[in-house]
Amino acid sequence: MWPEWDPKGVSVQEILFWQSQTMQMMYKVVAKALQDSGLSKSYHPQDYLNFYCLGNRETNDENELMIAHTESIMQEQAKGWFTSMQRA
């Protein structure tokens, strides 16, 4: 999920954008399937989705903060998507 090039570069930002769009679509599909089957109160889409990044994890403090920040943003977005799916 973290390309090896400059994270602020245009090409990397585009890659990250499309990765997030793909993850969002997958989350919505699973949430809808749970809702349609009546299991949305018992299960959460995160029970069925796992995203992995193969590679060496850098130990630079700045990178650790960026990863933690990005993970927290993704979790907040996921909660919002699931809530909006439950309202629909």
N, C-alpha and C. Protein backbone atom coordinates (compact mmCIF):
# COMPACT_ATOMS: atom_id res chain seq x y z
N MET A 1 0.81 -1.18 0.00
CA MET A 1 0.00 0.00 0.00
C MET A 1 0.86 1.26 0.00
N TRP A 2 2.15 1.10 0.21
CA TRP A 2 3.06 2.24 0.22
C TRP A 2 4.07 2.07 -0.90
N PRO A 3 3.86 2.73 -2.03
CA PRO A 3 4.82 2.64 -3.13
C PRO A 3 6.20 3.13 -2.70
N GLU A 4 7.22 2.70 -3.41
CA GLU A 4 8.59 3.00 -3.02
C GLU A 4 9.07 4.36 -3.50
N TRP A 5 8.29 5.09 -4.24
CA TRP A 5 8.72 6.38 -4.75
C TRP A 5 8.32 7.49 -3.80
N ASP A 6 8.53 8.73 -4.24
CA ASP A 6 8.18 9.90 -3.44
C ASP A 6 6.68 9.89 -3.13
N PRO A 7 6.29 9.80 -1.85
CA PRO A 7 4.87 9.71 -1.52
C PRO A 7 4.06 10.94 -1.91
N LYS A 8 4.73 12.05 -2.14
CA LYS A 8 4.02 13.27 -2.52
C LYS A 8 3.95 13.44 -4.04
N GLY A 9 4.58 12.54 -4.78
CA GLY A 9 4.58 12.63 -6.24
C GLY A 9 3.21 12.36 -6.83
N VAL A 10 2.97 12.94 -7.99
CA VAL A 10 1.66 12.83 -8.64
C VAL A 10 1.32 11.37 -8.96
N SER A 11 2.28 10.63 -9.48
CA SER A 11 1.99 9.23 -9.86
C SER A 11 1.67 8.39 -8.63
N VAL A 12 2.39 8.60 -7.54
CA VAL A 12 2.14 7.84 -6.31
C VAL A 12 0.78 8.21 -5.73
N GLN A 13 0.45 9.49 -5.75
CA GLN A 13 -0.85 9.93 -5.24
C GLN A 13 -1.99 9.32 -6.05
N GLU A 14 -1.79 9.18 -7.35
CA GLU A 14 -2.82 8.57 -8.19
C GLU A 14 -2.97 7.08 -7.86
N ILE A 15 -1.86 6.40 -7.66
CA ILE A 15 -1.91 4.99 -7.28
C ILE A 15 -2.65 4.83 -5.95
N LEU A 16 -2.30 5.66 -4.97
CA LEU A 16 -2.95 5.59 -3.67
C LEU A 16 -4.44 5.91 -3.77
N PHE A 17 -4.80 6.87 -4.63
CA PHE A 17 -6.20 7.22 -4.83
C PHE A 17 -6.99 6.01 -5.34
N TRP A 18 -6.47 5.35 -6.37
CA TRP A 18 -7.19 4.22 -6.94
C TRP A 18 -7.21 3.02 -6.00
N GLN A 19 -6.17 2.86 -5.21
CA GLN A 19 -6.20 1.80 -4.20
C GLN A 19 -7.32 2.06 -3.20
N SER A 20 -7.44 3.31 -2.76
CA SER A 20 -8.50 3.63 -1.79
C SER A 20 -9.88 3.47 -2.41
N GLN A 21 -10.03 3.81 -3.69
CA GLN A 21 -11.31 3.63 -4.36
C GLN A 21 -11.68 2.16 -4.45
N THR A 22 -10.70 1.31 -4.73
CA THR A 22 -10.94 -0.14 -4.80
C THR A 22 -11.34 -0.68 -3.44
N MET A 23 -10.65 -0.24 -2.40
CA MET A 23 -10.98 -0.69 -1.05
C MET A 23 -12.37 -0.23 -0.65
N GLN A 24 -12.71 0.99 -1.01
CA GLN A 24 -14.04 1.53 -0.70
C GLN A 24 -15.13 0.71 -1.39
N MET A 25 -14.93 0.38 -2.65
CA MET A 25 -15.89 -0.41 -3.40
C MET A 25 -16.06 -1.79 -2.77
N MET A 26 -14.95 -2.42 -2.39
CA MET A 26 -15.01 -3.75 -1.78
C MET A 26 -15.76 -3.69 -0.45
N TYR A 27 -15.51 -2.65 0.32
CA TYR A 27 -16.17 -2.47 1.61
C TYR A 27 -17.67 -2.33 1.41
N LYS A 28 -18.08 -1.55 0.43
CA LYS A 28 -19.51 -1.35 0.16
C LYS A 28 -20.18 -2.64 -0.29
N VAL A 29 -19.50 -3.43 -1.10
CA VAL A 29 -20.06 -4.69 -1.58
C VAL A 29 -20.30 -5.65 -0.41
N VAL A 30 -19.31 -5.76 0.47
CA VAL A 30 -19.45 -6.66 1.61
C VAL A 30 -20.53 -6.14 2.56
N ALA A 31 -20.56 -4.83 2.80
CA ALA A 31 -21.58 -4.25 3.68
C ALA A 31 -22.98 -4.49 3.13
N LYS A 32 -23.15 -4.34 1.82
CA LYS A 32 -24.46 -4.57 1.20
C LYS A 32 -24.86 -6.03 1.31
N ALA A 33 -23.91 -6.94 1.10
CA ALA A 33 -24.20 -8.37 1.20
C ALA A 33 -24.63 -8.73 2.64
N LEU A 34 -23.95 -8.16 3.61
CA LEU A 34 -24.33 -8.41 5.00
C LEU A 34 -25.71 -7.85 5.30
N GLN A 35 -25.98 -6.67 4.78
CA GLN A 35 -27.29 -6.05 5.00
C GLN A 35 -28.39 -6.86 4.32
N ASP A 36 -28.16 -7.28 3.08
CA ASP A 36 -29.16 -8.05 2.35
C ASP A 36 -29.45 -9.40 3.00
N SER A 37 -28.45 -9.98 3.64
CA SER A 37 -28.64 -11.28 4.27
C SER A 37 -29.12 -11.15 5.72
N GLY A 38 -29.27 -9.92 6.20
CA GLY A 38 -29.75 -9.71 7.56
C GLY A 38 -28.70 -9.94 8.63
N LEU A 39 -27.45 -9.94 8.26
CA LEU A 39 -26.37 -10.21 9.20
C LEU A 39 -25.61 -8.96 9.62
N SER A 40 -26.07 -7.79 9.20
CA SER A 40 -25.31 -6.57 9.45
C SER A 40 -25.23 -6.21 10.93
N LYS A 41 -26.15 -6.72 11.74
CA LYS A 41 -26.08 -6.44 13.18
C LYS A 41 -25.12 -7.38 13.90
N SER A 42 -24.84 -8.53 13.29
CA SER A 42 -23.97 -9.52 13.91
C SER A 42 -22.53 -9.45 13.41
N TYR A 43 -22.36 -8.99 12.16
CA TYR A 43 -21.03 -8.99 11.56
C TYR A 43 -20.73 -7.62 10.98
N HIS A 44 -19.47 -7.36 10.78
CA HIS A 44 -18.99 -6.09 10.24
C HIS A 44 -18.15 -6.40 8.99
N PRO A 45 -18.16 -5.54 7.98
CA PRO A 45 -17.34 -5.81 6.79
C PRO A 45 -15.87 -6.06 7.11
N GLN A 46 -15.37 -5.45 8.17
CA GLN A 46 -13.97 -5.67 8.52
C GLN A 46 -13.72 -7.11 8.97
N ASP A 47 -14.78 -7.85 9.28
CA ASP A 47 -14.62 -9.26 9.61
C ASP A 47 -14.24 -10.08 8.37
N TYR A 48 -14.50 -9.53 7.20
CA TYR A 48 -14.30 -10.26 5.95
C TYR A 48 -13.25 -9.65 5.04
N LEU A 49 -12.75 -8.47 5.36
CA LEU A 49 -11.78 -7.81 4.49
C LEU A 49 -10.43 -7.68 5.19
N ASN A 50 -9.40 -8.07 4.50
CA ASN A 50 -8.03 -7.89 4.97
C ASN A 50 -7.20 -7.35 3.82
N PHE A 51 -6.42 -6.33 4.07
CA PHE A 51 -5.55 -5.77 3.06
C PHE A 51 -4.12 -5.87 3.56
N TYR A 52 -3.27 -6.42 2.74
CA TYR A 52 -1.89 -6.66 3.13
C TYR A 52 -0.94 -5.95 2.18
N CYS A 53 0.17 -5.55 2.71
CA CYS A 53 1.24 -4.95 1.92
C CYS A 53 2.51 -5.75 2.19
N LEU A 54 3.00 -6.39 1.17
CA LEU A 54 4.22 -7.18 1.34
C LEU A 54 5.43 -6.28 1.16
N GLY A 55 6.37 -6.41 2.03
CA GLY A 55 7.58 -5.61 1.92
C GLY A 55 8.20 -5.38 3.27
N ASN A 56 9.28 -4.65 3.27
CA ASN A 56 9.98 -4.33 4.51
C ASN A 56 9.37 -3.07 5.11
N ARG A 57 9.09 -3.13 6.37
CA ARG A 57 8.54 -1.96 7.06
C ARG A 57 9.70 -1.10 7.55
N GLU A 58 9.64 0.18 7.21
CA GLU A 58 10.68 1.10 7.63
C GLU A 58 10.45 1.49 9.09
N THR A 59 11.53 1.77 9.80
CA THR A 59 11.42 2.11 11.21
C THR A 59 11.59 3.60 11.48
N ASN A 60 11.65 4.38 10.44
CA ASN A 60 11.77 5.83 10.59
C ASN A 60 10.54 6.35 11.33
N ASP A 61 10.74 7.15 12.37
CA ASP A 61 9.63 7.67 13.17
C ASP A 61 8.61 8.41 12.33
N GLU A 62 9.06 9.18 11.36
CA GLU A 62 8.14 9.92 10.50
C GLU A 62 7.25 8.98 9.72
N ASN A 63 7.82 7.90 9.21
CA ASN A 63 7.03 6.91 8.47
C ASN A 63 6.03 6.22 9.38
N GLU A 64 6.45 5.90 10.60
CA GLU A 64 5.54 5.25 11.55
C GLU A 64 4.34 6.15 11.84
N LEU A 65 4.59 7.43 12.01
CA LEU A 65 3.50 8.37 12.27
C LEU A 65 2.57 8.46 11.07
N MET A 66 3.14 8.49 9.85
CA MET A 66 2.33 8.58 8.65
C MET A 66 1.47 7.33 8.50
N ILE A 67 2.02 6.16 8.77
CA ILE A 67 1.27 4.91 8.66
C ILE A 67 0.14 4.89 9.68
N ALA A 68 0.44 5.26 10.92
CA ALA A 68 -0.59 5.27 11.96
C ALA A 68 -1.69 6.27 11.62
N HIS A 69 -1.31 7.42 11.10
CA HIS A 69 -2.30 8.44 10.74
C HIS A 69 -3.19 7.93 9.61
N THR A 70 -2.59 7.33 8.60
CA THR A 70 -3.35 6.82 7.46
C THR A 70 -4.29 5.70 7.91
N GLU A 71 -3.81 4.81 8.77
CA GLU A 71 -4.66 3.72 9.26
C GLU A 71 -5.86 4.27 10.03
N SER A 72 -5.64 5.31 10.84
CA SER A 72 -6.76 5.88 11.60
C SER A 72 -7.76 6.55 10.68
N ILE A 73 -7.28 7.21 9.62
CA ILE A 73 -8.19 7.83 8.65
C ILE A 73 -9.02 6.75 7.96
N MET A 74 -8.37 5.66 7.55
CA MET A 74 -9.08 4.59 6.85
C MET A 74 -10.13 3.94 7.76
N GLN A 75 -9.81 3.80 9.05
CA GLN A 75 -10.78 3.22 9.98
C GLN A 75 -11.98 4.14 10.15
N GLU A 76 -11.74 5.44 10.23
CA GLU A 76 -12.84 6.39 10.37
C GLU A 76 -13.72 6.39 9.11
N GLN A 77 -13.08 6.33 7.93
CA GLN A 77 -13.84 6.28 6.69
C GLN A 77 -14.66 5.01 6.63
N ALA A 78 -14.08 3.90 7.06
CA ALA A 78 -14.80 2.62 7.03
C ALA A 78 -16.02 2.68 7.93
N LYS A 79 -15.89 3.28 9.11
CA LYS A 79 -17.03 3.41 10.01
C LYS A 79 -18.14 4.24 9.36
N GLY A 80 -17.74 5.32 8.69
CA GLY A 80 -18.71 6.17 8.02
C GLY A 80 -19.42 5.45 6.89
N TRP A 81 -18.67 4.67 6.11
CA TRP A 81 -19.29 3.94 5.00
C TRP A 81 -20.27 2.91 5.53
N PHE A 82 -19.87 2.20 6.59
CA PHE A 82 -20.74 1.17 7.12
C PHE A 82 -22.02 1.79 7.69
N THR A 83 -21.89 2.91 8.38
CA THR A 83 -23.04 3.60 8.93
C THR A 83 -23.97 4.06 7.83
N SER A 84 -23.40 4.59 6.74
CA SER A 84 -24.24 5.06 5.63
C SER A 84 -24.93 3.89 4.94
N MET A 85 -24.28 2.72 4.90
CA MET A 85 -24.89 1.54 4.29
C MET A 85 -26.06 1.05 5.16
N GLN A 86 -25.94 1.17 6.47
CA GLN A 86 -27.00 0.72 7.36
C GLN A 86 -28.22 1.63 7.23
N ARG A 87 -28.00 2.90 6.94
CA ARG A 87 -29.11 3.84 6.80
C ARG A 87 -29.88 3.62 5.50
N ALA A 88 -29.19 3.11 4.49
CA ALA A 88 -29.81 2.94 3.17
C ALA A 88 -30.86 1.86 3.15
